Protein backbone atom coordinates (compact mmCIF):
# COMPACT_ATOMS: atom_id res chain seq x y z
CA MET A 1 -3.46 -11.59 -13.56
CA GLN A 2 -7.07 -10.53 -14.10
CA GLY A 3 -8.70 -9.40 -17.32
CA CYS A 4 -8.83 -10.65 -20.87
CA SER A 5 -6.12 -10.10 -23.47
CA PRO A 6 -6.88 -8.29 -26.66
CA PRO A 7 -4.55 -8.60 -29.72
CA GLY A 8 -1.08 -7.43 -29.08
CA GLY A 9 -0.80 -8.90 -25.59
CA MET A 10 -2.06 -5.79 -23.70
CA LEU A 11 -4.60 -6.01 -20.95
CA GLN A 12 -6.91 -3.06 -20.49
CA GLY A 13 -7.17 -1.26 -17.21
CA PRO A 14 -9.72 -1.87 -14.45
CA GLY A 15 -13.25 -0.90 -15.36
CA SER A 16 -12.75 -1.19 -19.13
CA ASP A 17 -14.77 -3.48 -21.36
CA CYS A 18 -12.78 -6.31 -22.86
CA GLY A 19 -12.97 -6.22 -26.61
CA ALA A 20 -13.95 -2.53 -26.71
CA SER A 21 -11.61 0.22 -27.90
CA PRO A 22 -9.65 1.59 -24.93
CA ALA A 23 -11.08 4.77 -23.50
CA PRO A 24 -8.98 7.95 -23.79
CA MET A 25 -6.43 8.17 -20.99
CA GLU A 26 -7.62 10.81 -18.52
CA TYR A 27 -6.20 12.01 -15.22
CA VAL A 28 -8.08 12.69 -12.00
CA SER A 29 -7.18 14.24 -8.67
CA THR A 30 -6.43 11.92 -5.78
CA ARG A 31 -8.88 14.06 -3.79
CA GLY A 32 -11.79 13.67 -6.15
CA GLY A 33 -11.97 16.98 -7.98
CA LYS A 34 -14.72 16.65 -10.55
CA GLU A 35 -12.77 17.76 -13.63
CA ALA A 36 -10.71 15.08 -15.35
CA VAL A 37 -7.89 16.29 -17.65
CA ASP A 38 -5.92 14.77 -20.45
CA PHE A 39 -2.14 14.37 -20.36
CA GLU A 40 -1.58 17.93 -21.53
CA GLY A 41 -3.74 19.20 -18.66
CA ALA A 42 -1.84 17.11 -16.15
CA LEU A 43 1.51 18.15 -17.63
CA PHE A 44 0.74 21.89 -17.47
CA SER A 45 -0.09 21.76 -13.80
CA GLY A 46 1.26 20.68 -10.51
CA TYR A 47 -1.19 20.15 -7.73
CA ALA A 48 -4.76 19.67 -8.85
CA PRO A 49 -7.06 22.62 -7.99
CA ASP A 50 -8.44 20.71 -4.97
CA GLY A 51 -4.97 20.19 -3.54
CA GLY A 52 -4.64 16.58 -4.72
CA LEU A 53 -2.22 15.05 -7.25
CA PHE A 54 -3.09 13.87 -10.72
CA MET A 55 -3.16 10.14 -11.39
CA PRO A 56 -4.32 8.10 -14.40
CA GLN A 57 -8.00 7.25 -14.09
CA ARG A 58 -7.06 3.69 -15.08
CA ILE A 59 -3.76 1.80 -14.84
CA PRO A 60 -2.96 -0.32 -17.94
CA SER A 61 -2.36 -4.01 -17.25
CA LEU A 62 0.28 -6.03 -19.06
CA ASP A 63 0.18 -9.77 -19.78
CA GLY A 64 3.10 -12.19 -19.96
CA GLU A 65 3.40 -11.95 -23.74
CA THR A 66 3.93 -8.15 -23.48
CA LEU A 67 6.46 -8.55 -20.70
CA GLN A 68 8.40 -11.06 -22.78
CA ARG A 69 8.45 -8.66 -25.74
CA TRP A 70 9.43 -5.70 -23.63
CA SER A 71 12.26 -7.63 -22.05
CA ARG A 72 14.21 -7.34 -25.28
CA LEU A 73 13.87 -3.53 -25.42
CA SER A 74 16.49 -0.89 -24.58
CA TYR A 75 15.80 1.58 -21.86
CA ARG A 76 15.01 4.24 -24.44
CA GLU A 77 12.47 1.93 -26.16
CA LEU A 78 10.88 1.05 -22.83
CA VAL A 79 10.29 4.72 -22.10
CA LYS A 80 8.62 5.09 -25.50
CA GLU A 81 6.34 2.09 -24.94
CA LEU A 82 5.35 3.23 -21.46
CA CYS A 83 4.72 6.82 -22.40
CA SER A 84 2.54 5.70 -25.36
CA LEU A 85 0.21 4.00 -22.83
CA PHE A 86 -0.35 7.24 -20.93
CA ILE A 87 -0.27 9.79 -23.76
CA THR A 88 -2.90 9.28 -26.40
CA ALA A 89 -1.87 9.39 -30.07
CA GLU A 90 -4.49 12.09 -30.66
CA LEU A 91 -2.47 14.39 -28.40
CA VAL A 92 0.99 13.32 -29.49
CA PRO A 93 1.32 11.01 -32.53
CA ARG A 94 3.49 8.00 -31.79
CA SER A 95 6.19 8.92 -34.29
CA THR A 96 6.37 12.40 -32.75
CA LEU A 97 6.50 10.93 -29.26
CA ASP A 98 9.40 8.70 -30.27
CA ASP A 99 11.27 11.68 -31.73
CA LEU A 100 10.75 13.74 -28.55
CA ILE A 101 12.12 10.98 -26.34
CA ASP A 102 15.12 10.44 -28.63
CA ARG A 103 15.78 14.15 -28.42
CA ALA A 104 15.40 14.10 -24.64
CA PHE A 105 18.11 11.41 -24.27
CA SER A 106 20.48 12.80 -26.88
CA ARG A 107 22.70 14.57 -24.32
CA PHE A 108 23.19 11.56 -22.04
CA ARG A 109 26.79 10.44 -21.64
CA HIS A 110 26.07 6.67 -21.71
CA LYS A 111 25.03 5.08 -24.98
CA ASP A 112 22.34 3.08 -23.14
CA VAL A 113 21.10 6.15 -21.25
CA VAL A 114 21.16 4.17 -17.99
CA HIS A 115 23.62 1.43 -17.01
CA LEU A 116 23.51 -1.61 -14.69
CA SER A 117 26.75 -2.27 -12.77
CA ARG A 118 26.94 -5.89 -11.56
CA LEU A 119 29.12 -5.90 -8.48
CA LYS A 120 30.26 -8.49 -5.92
CA ASP A 121 27.99 -10.13 -3.39
CA GLY A 122 25.04 -9.86 -5.78
CA LEU A 123 24.91 -6.08 -5.60
CA ASN A 124 23.30 -4.75 -8.81
CA VAL A 125 23.38 -0.97 -9.13
CA LEU A 126 21.24 0.74 -11.77
CA GLU A 127 22.98 4.02 -12.62
CA LEU A 128 20.29 6.62 -13.30
CA TRP A 129 22.72 9.52 -13.34
CA HIS A 130 24.30 9.76 -16.81
CA GLY A 131 22.50 12.97 -17.74
CA VAL A 132 23.85 16.53 -17.65
CA THR A 133 23.42 17.13 -13.93
CA TYR A 134 24.58 13.60 -12.88
CA ALA A 135 21.23 12.89 -11.18
CA PHE A 136 18.22 10.65 -11.91
CA LYS A 137 15.96 13.71 -12.45
CA ASP A 138 17.63 14.29 -15.79
CA LEU A 139 15.78 11.25 -17.14
CA SER A 140 12.30 12.44 -16.40
CA LEU A 141 12.98 16.20 -16.75
CA SER A 142 14.58 15.82 -20.15
CA CYS A 143 11.43 14.11 -21.44
CA THR A 144 9.12 16.46 -19.63
CA GLY A 145 10.94 19.41 -21.13
CA GLN A 146 10.42 18.02 -24.61
CA PHE A 147 6.68 17.41 -23.98
CA LEU A 148 6.31 20.96 -22.72
CA GLN A 149 8.15 22.43 -25.69
CA TYR A 150 5.89 20.43 -28.08
CA PHE A 151 2.67 21.74 -26.62
CA LEU A 152 3.99 25.27 -26.12
CA GLU A 153 5.04 25.61 -29.73
CA LYS A 154 1.88 24.00 -30.95
CA LYS A 155 -0.45 26.32 -29.02
CA GLN A 156 1.77 29.38 -28.51
CA LYS A 157 1.31 29.23 -24.77
CA HIS A 158 3.51 30.40 -21.92
CA VAL A 159 4.04 28.80 -18.53
CA THR A 160 5.35 29.96 -15.16
CA ILE A 161 7.38 27.13 -13.66
CA LEU A 162 7.66 26.90 -9.87
CA VAL A 163 10.54 24.75 -8.65
CA ALA A 164 11.68 24.23 -4.98
CA HIS A 165 15.16 24.96 -3.64
CA GLY A 166 16.34 24.34 -0.07
CA ASN A 167 14.24 22.34 2.42
CA SER A 168 11.52 20.70 0.29
CA ASP A 169 9.05 20.63 3.13
CA GLU A 170 9.33 24.34 3.83
CA ILE A 171 8.84 25.47 0.22
CA ASP A 172 6.11 22.89 -0.55
CA GLU A 173 3.39 24.64 1.44
CA PRO A 174 3.55 28.09 -0.19
CA ILE A 175 3.75 26.47 -3.61
CA LYS A 176 0.64 24.41 -2.81
CA GLU A 177 -1.06 27.58 -1.69
CA LEU A 178 -0.43 29.27 -5.03
CA PHE A 179 -1.84 26.30 -7.00
CA ALA A 180 -4.94 26.35 -4.76
CA ASP A 181 -5.63 29.95 -5.93
CA VAL A 182 -7.26 28.87 -9.18
CA ASP A 183 -7.55 32.36 -10.66
CA PHE A 184 -3.89 33.22 -9.95
CA ALA A 185 -2.73 29.84 -11.24
CA ARG A 186 -4.68 30.24 -14.47
CA LYS A 187 -3.59 33.85 -14.98
CA HIS A 188 0.06 32.90 -14.92
CA ASN A 189 -0.31 29.29 -16.18
CA LEU A 190 1.48 27.97 -13.10
CA MET A 191 3.06 24.56 -13.23
CA SER A 192 5.58 22.58 -11.17
CA LEU A 193 8.38 20.36 -12.32
CA ASN A 194 9.13 18.46 -9.15
CA SER A 195 7.65 15.03 -8.67
CA VAL A 196 4.25 16.53 -8.07
CA ASN A 197 4.08 16.60 -11.89
CA TRP A 198 2.63 13.37 -13.30
CA SER A 199 5.03 13.46 -16.29
CA ARG A 200 7.97 12.87 -13.92
CA ILE A 201 6.32 9.82 -12.36
CA MET A 202 5.35 8.41 -15.73
CA VAL A 203 8.89 8.41 -17.13
CA GLN A 204 10.25 6.95 -13.88
CA ILE A 205 8.10 3.85 -14.25
CA ALA A 206 10.69 2.77 -16.86
CA HIS A 207 13.35 2.43 -14.20
CA HIS A 208 11.53 -0.50 -12.65
CA PHE A 209 10.83 -2.33 -15.90
CA TYR A 210 14.39 -1.97 -17.03
CA ALA A 211 15.74 -3.07 -13.65
CA TYR A 212 13.50 -6.08 -13.62
CA PHE A 213 14.48 -7.22 -17.15
CA GLN A 214 18.16 -6.75 -16.37
CA CYS A 215 18.06 -8.70 -13.07
CA ALA A 216 15.44 -11.39 -13.55
CA PRO A 217 17.16 -14.79 -13.79
CA SER A 218 14.79 -16.03 -16.52
CA LEU A 219 11.43 -15.07 -18.11
CA ASP A 220 10.79 -18.66 -19.21
CA THR A 221 9.18 -19.80 -15.95
CA THR A 222 5.60 -19.66 -14.80
CA PRO A 223 4.96 -17.69 -12.72
CA LEU A 224 7.64 -15.13 -13.64
CA PRO A 225 10.38 -14.71 -11.08
CA VAL A 226 10.19 -11.85 -8.55
CA VAL A 227 12.98 -9.19 -8.47
CA GLU A 228 13.38 -6.90 -5.51
CA ILE A 229 13.85 -3.21 -6.38
CA VAL A 230 15.47 -1.09 -3.65
CA VAL A 231 14.52 2.59 -4.04
CA PRO A 232 16.28 5.41 -2.16
CA THR A 233 13.29 7.41 -1.13
CA GLY A 234 12.74 11.07 -0.30
CA GLY A 235 9.68 12.75 -1.83
CA GLY A 236 8.49 9.30 -2.97
CA GLY A 237 8.37 9.82 -6.75
CA ASN A 238 10.44 6.78 -7.69
CA ILE A 239 8.69 4.48 -5.20
CA THR A 240 5.33 5.70 -6.50
CA ALA A 241 6.45 4.81 -10.03
CA GLY A 242 7.37 1.35 -8.76
CA CYS A 243 3.93 0.89 -7.20
CA ILE A 244 2.37 1.74 -10.58
CA ALA A 245 4.72 -0.72 -12.37
CA GLN A 246 3.72 -3.36 -9.87
CA LYS A 247 0.06 -2.54 -10.52
CA MET A 248 0.63 -2.92 -14.23
CA GLY A 249 1.72 -6.53 -13.66
CA LEU A 250 5.48 -6.35 -13.23
CA PRO A 251 6.50 -8.99 -10.66
CA ILE A 252 8.63 -6.83 -8.40
CA ARG A 253 8.97 -6.48 -4.64
CA LEU A 254 9.58 -2.87 -3.63
CA VAL A 255 11.75 -1.56 -0.76
CA ALA A 256 11.59 2.07 0.22
CA ALA A 257 15.05 2.79 1.65
CA VAL A 258 15.22 6.03 3.67
CA ASN A 259 17.75 7.93 5.81
CA SER A 260 17.16 9.07 9.40
CA ASN A 261 14.21 11.10 8.20
CA ASP A 262 12.13 7.97 8.37
CA ILE A 263 8.48 8.93 7.99
CA ILE A 264 7.94 6.46 5.16
CA HIS A 265 9.64 3.66 7.08
CA ARG A 266 7.39 4.37 10.11
CA THR A 267 4.34 4.47 7.86
CA VAL A 268 5.14 1.09 6.27
CA GLN A 269 6.06 -0.57 9.52
CA HIS A 270 3.46 0.88 11.86
CA GLY A 271 0.99 2.94 9.85
CA ASP A 272 2.37 6.01 11.58
CA PHE A 273 2.42 8.83 9.02
CA SER A 274 3.50 11.58 11.41
CA LEU A 275 6.17 14.25 11.44
CA SER A 276 9.17 14.14 13.65
CA GLU A 277 10.19 17.22 15.57
CA SER A 278 12.49 18.43 12.83
CA VAL A 279 14.21 17.47 9.63
CA LYS A 280 17.57 15.83 10.35
CA ALA A 281 20.53 16.83 8.22
CA THR A 282 22.14 13.64 6.85
CA LEU A 283 24.74 12.65 4.31
CA ALA A 284 21.95 11.71 1.92
CA SER A 285 20.76 15.32 1.84
CA ALA A 286 18.30 15.07 -1.08
CA MET A 287 16.26 12.68 1.06
CA ASP A 288 16.06 15.03 4.02
CA ILE A 289 12.30 15.29 3.71
CA GLN A 290 9.56 14.92 6.33
CA GLU A 291 6.49 15.36 4.11
CA PRO A 292 6.83 12.93 1.20
CA TYR A 293 3.88 14.22 -0.87
CA ASN A 294 3.83 11.31 -3.25
CA VAL A 295 2.63 9.05 -0.44
CA GLU A 296 -0.76 10.53 -1.27
CA ARG A 297 -0.59 8.88 -4.72
CA ILE A 298 0.35 5.57 -3.18
CA LEU A 299 -2.52 5.63 -0.63
CA TRP A 300 -4.97 6.53 -3.43
CA LEU A 301 -3.68 3.68 -5.55
CA LEU A 302 -3.84 1.07 -2.76
CA SER A 303 -7.22 2.20 -1.51
CA GLY A 304 -8.77 1.34 -4.90
CA SER A 305 -8.83 4.98 -6.06
CA ASP A 306 -10.89 6.01 -3.04
CA SER A 307 -10.62 9.74 -3.43
CA ARG A 308 -12.93 10.52 -0.51
CA LEU A 309 -10.76 8.49 1.88
CA THR A 310 -7.56 10.01 0.47
CA LYS A 311 -8.96 13.55 0.85
CA THR A 312 -10.00 12.91 4.44
CA LEU A 313 -6.62 11.40 5.36
CA MET A 314 -4.47 14.05 3.69
CA GLU A 315 -6.53 17.00 5.03
CA ARG A 316 -6.24 15.50 8.51
CA PHE A 317 -2.48 15.19 8.05
CA SER A 318 -2.24 18.76 6.74
CA VAL A 319 -3.86 20.06 9.94
CA MET A 320 -2.52 17.66 12.60
CA LYS A 321 0.83 16.69 10.94
CA SER A 322 0.08 13.28 12.40
CA LEU A 323 -1.95 10.39 10.99
CA GLN A 324 -2.56 6.74 11.78
CA LEU A 325 -3.55 4.87 8.70
CA PRO A 326 -6.74 2.79 8.80
CA GLU A 327 -5.92 -0.83 9.48
CA ASP A 328 -6.91 -2.14 6.08
CA LEU A 329 -4.92 0.51 4.25
CA HIS A 330 -1.86 -0.07 6.38
CA ARG A 331 -2.05 -3.77 5.66
CA MET A 332 -2.23 -3.06 1.92
CA LEU A 333 0.76 -0.74 2.23
CA SER A 334 2.90 -3.21 4.17
CA GLU A 335 2.06 -5.93 1.67
CA THR A 336 3.09 -3.66 -1.20
CA LEU A 337 6.27 -2.14 0.28
CA ARG A 338 9.10 -3.19 2.50
CA SER A 339 11.22 -0.46 4.07
CA CYS A 340 14.42 0.25 5.93
CA SER A 341 16.10 3.26 7.49
CA ALA A 342 19.89 3.90 7.27
CA SER A 343 21.87 6.12 9.62
CA ASP A 344 24.81 8.18 8.48
CA LYS A 345 27.04 5.44 9.95
CA ASP A 346 25.23 2.82 7.85
CA ILE A 347 25.70 5.01 4.79
CA VAL A 348 29.44 5.44 5.38
CA ARG A 349 29.90 1.70 5.98
CA ALA A 350 28.06 0.79 2.79
CA MET A 351 30.13 3.30 0.77
CA GLN A 352 33.35 1.89 2.27
CA ARG A 353 32.39 -1.76 1.71
CA CYS A 354 31.36 -1.14 -1.89
CA TRP A 355 34.68 0.54 -2.56
CA GLU A 356 36.76 -2.13 -0.77
CA GLU A 357 35.05 -4.98 -2.63
CA ASN A 358 34.56 -3.38 -6.09
CA GLN A 359 36.55 -0.13 -6.26
CA TYR A 360 33.19 1.42 -7.04
CA LEU A 361 32.10 4.72 -5.56
CA LEU A 362 28.47 5.04 -4.33
CA CYS A 363 26.75 8.35 -3.66
CA PRO A 364 25.27 8.51 -0.13
CA HIS A 365 21.74 8.06 -1.49
CA SER A 366 22.72 4.93 -3.44
CA ALA A 367 24.51 3.72 -0.33
CA VAL A 368 21.16 3.79 1.58
CA ALA A 369 19.92 1.19 -0.92
CA ALA A 370 23.20 -0.78 -0.75
CA HIS A 371 22.93 -0.84 3.09
CA TYR A 372 19.65 -2.68 2.71
CA HIS A 373 21.16 -5.17 0.27
CA TYR A 374 24.11 -5.89 2.56
CA SER A 375 21.72 -6.63 5.43
CA GLN A 376 19.86 -9.33 3.38
CA PRO A 377 21.56 -12.76 3.20
CA ASP A 378 18.70 -14.29 1.12
CA GLY A 379 20.38 -14.19 -2.31
CA MET A 380 17.19 -12.90 -3.89
CA PRO A 381 17.54 -11.19 -7.33
CA ARG A 382 17.75 -7.53 -6.40
CA CYS A 383 18.49 -4.19 -8.03
CA CYS A 384 19.43 -1.03 -6.14
CA LEU A 385 18.50 2.22 -7.87
CA ALA A 386 21.39 4.73 -7.88
CA PRO A 387 19.87 8.23 -8.13
CA ALA A 388 23.07 10.28 -8.35
CA SER A 389 26.76 10.12 -9.12
CA ALA A 390 29.16 9.94 -6.15
CA ALA A 391 31.00 12.88 -7.78
CA LYS A 392 28.26 15.25 -6.53
CA PHE A 393 28.91 14.43 -2.87
CA GLN A 394 32.55 15.10 -2.15
CA ASP A 395 32.06 15.75 1.58
CA ALA A 396 30.33 12.40 2.10
CA LEU A 397 33.13 10.59 0.23
CA LEU A 398 35.73 12.30 2.34
CA GLN A 399 33.86 11.34 5.54
CA ALA A 400 34.00 7.77 4.30
CA GLY A 401 37.76 8.09 3.73
CA LEU A 402 37.31 7.83 -0.02
CA VAL A 403 38.82 10.02 -2.71
CA PRO A 404 36.35 11.92 -4.94
CA GLN A 405 36.67 11.54 -8.71
CA LEU A 406 35.54 14.89 -10.19
CA PRO A 407 34.39 15.11 -13.83
CA PRO A 408 35.31 18.44 -15.47
CA GLU A 409 31.65 19.38 -15.85
CA ILE A 410 31.23 19.39 -12.06
CA THR A 411 34.48 21.20 -11.45
CA ALA A 412 33.35 23.93 -13.85
CA LEU A 413 30.23 24.61 -11.77
CA THR A 414 32.36 26.24 -9.03
CA ALA A 415 33.26 29.09 -11.36
CA MET A 416 29.69 29.81 -12.54
CA GLU A 417 27.61 32.74 -11.36
CA THR A 418 24.73 32.06 -8.95
CA ARG A 419 21.76 34.36 -8.45
CA SER A 420 19.13 34.09 -5.70
CA THR A 421 16.75 36.08 -3.52
CA ALA A 422 16.62 34.86 0.04
CA LEU A 423 13.29 34.15 1.76
CA GLU A 424 13.46 35.01 5.44
CA ARG A 425 11.84 32.91 8.18
CA GLY A 426 8.69 34.59 9.38
CA GLN A 427 8.10 36.11 5.95
CA ASP A 428 4.94 35.27 4.03
CA TRP A 429 6.65 33.09 1.45
CA ALA A 430 3.49 32.56 -0.65
CA GLN A 431 3.04 36.34 -0.92
CA ALA A 432 6.65 36.78 -1.77
CA LEU A 433 6.34 34.22 -4.57
CA ARG A 434 3.16 35.96 -5.85
CA GLU A 435 5.03 39.26 -6.06
CA ARG A 436 8.00 37.65 -7.83
CA ILE A 437 5.73 35.98 -10.34
CA GLU A 438 3.79 39.17 -11.03
CA ALA A 439 7.04 41.14 -11.48
CA ALA A 440 8.42 38.49 -13.83
CA ALA A 441 5.22 38.53 -15.90
CA GLN A 442 5.42 42.32 -16.17
CA GLY A 443 9.00 41.97 -17.28
CA TRP A 444 7.77 39.92 -20.23
CA GLY A 445 5.39 42.74 -21.15
CA ILE A 446 1.96 41.19 -20.50
CA ALA A 447 1.16 38.05 -18.44
CA GLY A 448 0.72 35.32 -21.00
CA GLN A 449 3.29 36.54 -23.50
CA GLY A 450 6.39 34.70 -22.36
CA VAL A 451 7.91 31.86 -20.39
CA THR A 452 8.65 32.55 -16.75
CA GLN A 453 10.68 30.45 -14.38
CA THR A 454 10.57 31.09 -10.62
């Protein structure tokens, strides 16, 4: 591990002067936009104005002493430590940050927030779904919501939040178009809460640290043992968080586990970042994505923060929908990530085997990771991330011949009112969103006087 260690066991990020006070944490666009922003600026945004994604200008490095100390922390405490590295105390005092994170996790059903289930055949499943919607997004969104509320109350601001429903690829382009219209974005304080938002990625880094500390056989050896983290991958937020954890010095090997929509698998294996003819509908429906936008963050990270190269590659992909990675970059990617693709049959078999051996229900997304584990006879320490509860995927369980176990909170959803406005194919979706945002702002009286969610 490179660098020199200041007091406290923390290594400073690349480009910093050892012995000097750490520079304020700033965020830059993966495509080289000139204006750096602080955490608040990255939070109240989505895409950067130049179409890129915000990333920390420097990635903190951790030494062995820090890892040893962190290994004794709870998940909640790990989130606090990690967030304090990326949010300066001048923006959010540490005591306030701790309170916000405690508040964020106060509604989680499990006392530890997340839980590791140790199953037969070395299958370790990290349950990330003990929040209110039974999905991993509760972890990062609960924290992000608290950060937003803190800054909104402090500065009496409003925001207009754009979130995608339906096919993520289809809605991503018009949302990106609105963020590229700088005047419109500023007028309505547009922001996104999908994994475009840096805050989501930041909190998800904790998954990998906690998984490592739970599954590493010992931290008393030199070098530290390697743990493999298997990440069900759609838009690529969790796997990006893993790459950052790895860059920080966590000795993990990452596996991107995908369904039949296998663009990330093809990119890792062959450098082929190209669309298929269409999105395939699979049992792991939340991973039915062809354009995993967080790959841009990974390419920027692995290219040594080469924003010019990243901009060239992503603009070429945007036009051609097909890209062959440069040889050096593909080599870096394949050294950083392993990958596998699971068919619906593979998913069903993994769900069935896990139930037969453990009487444990996997959701189809978690089963993609378990499929990889079952195909590896190496006995390596390994943790499979479980992004959602099986209770949310009754049809998949029935196809596997398994009986769903429905919590009352999910059963109650069927009786709740739903409201939506359909966007028709062939319609200018970006313009439709503009009109909806303008109408919502007028409903609040004057743009800038309320909080709008679209």
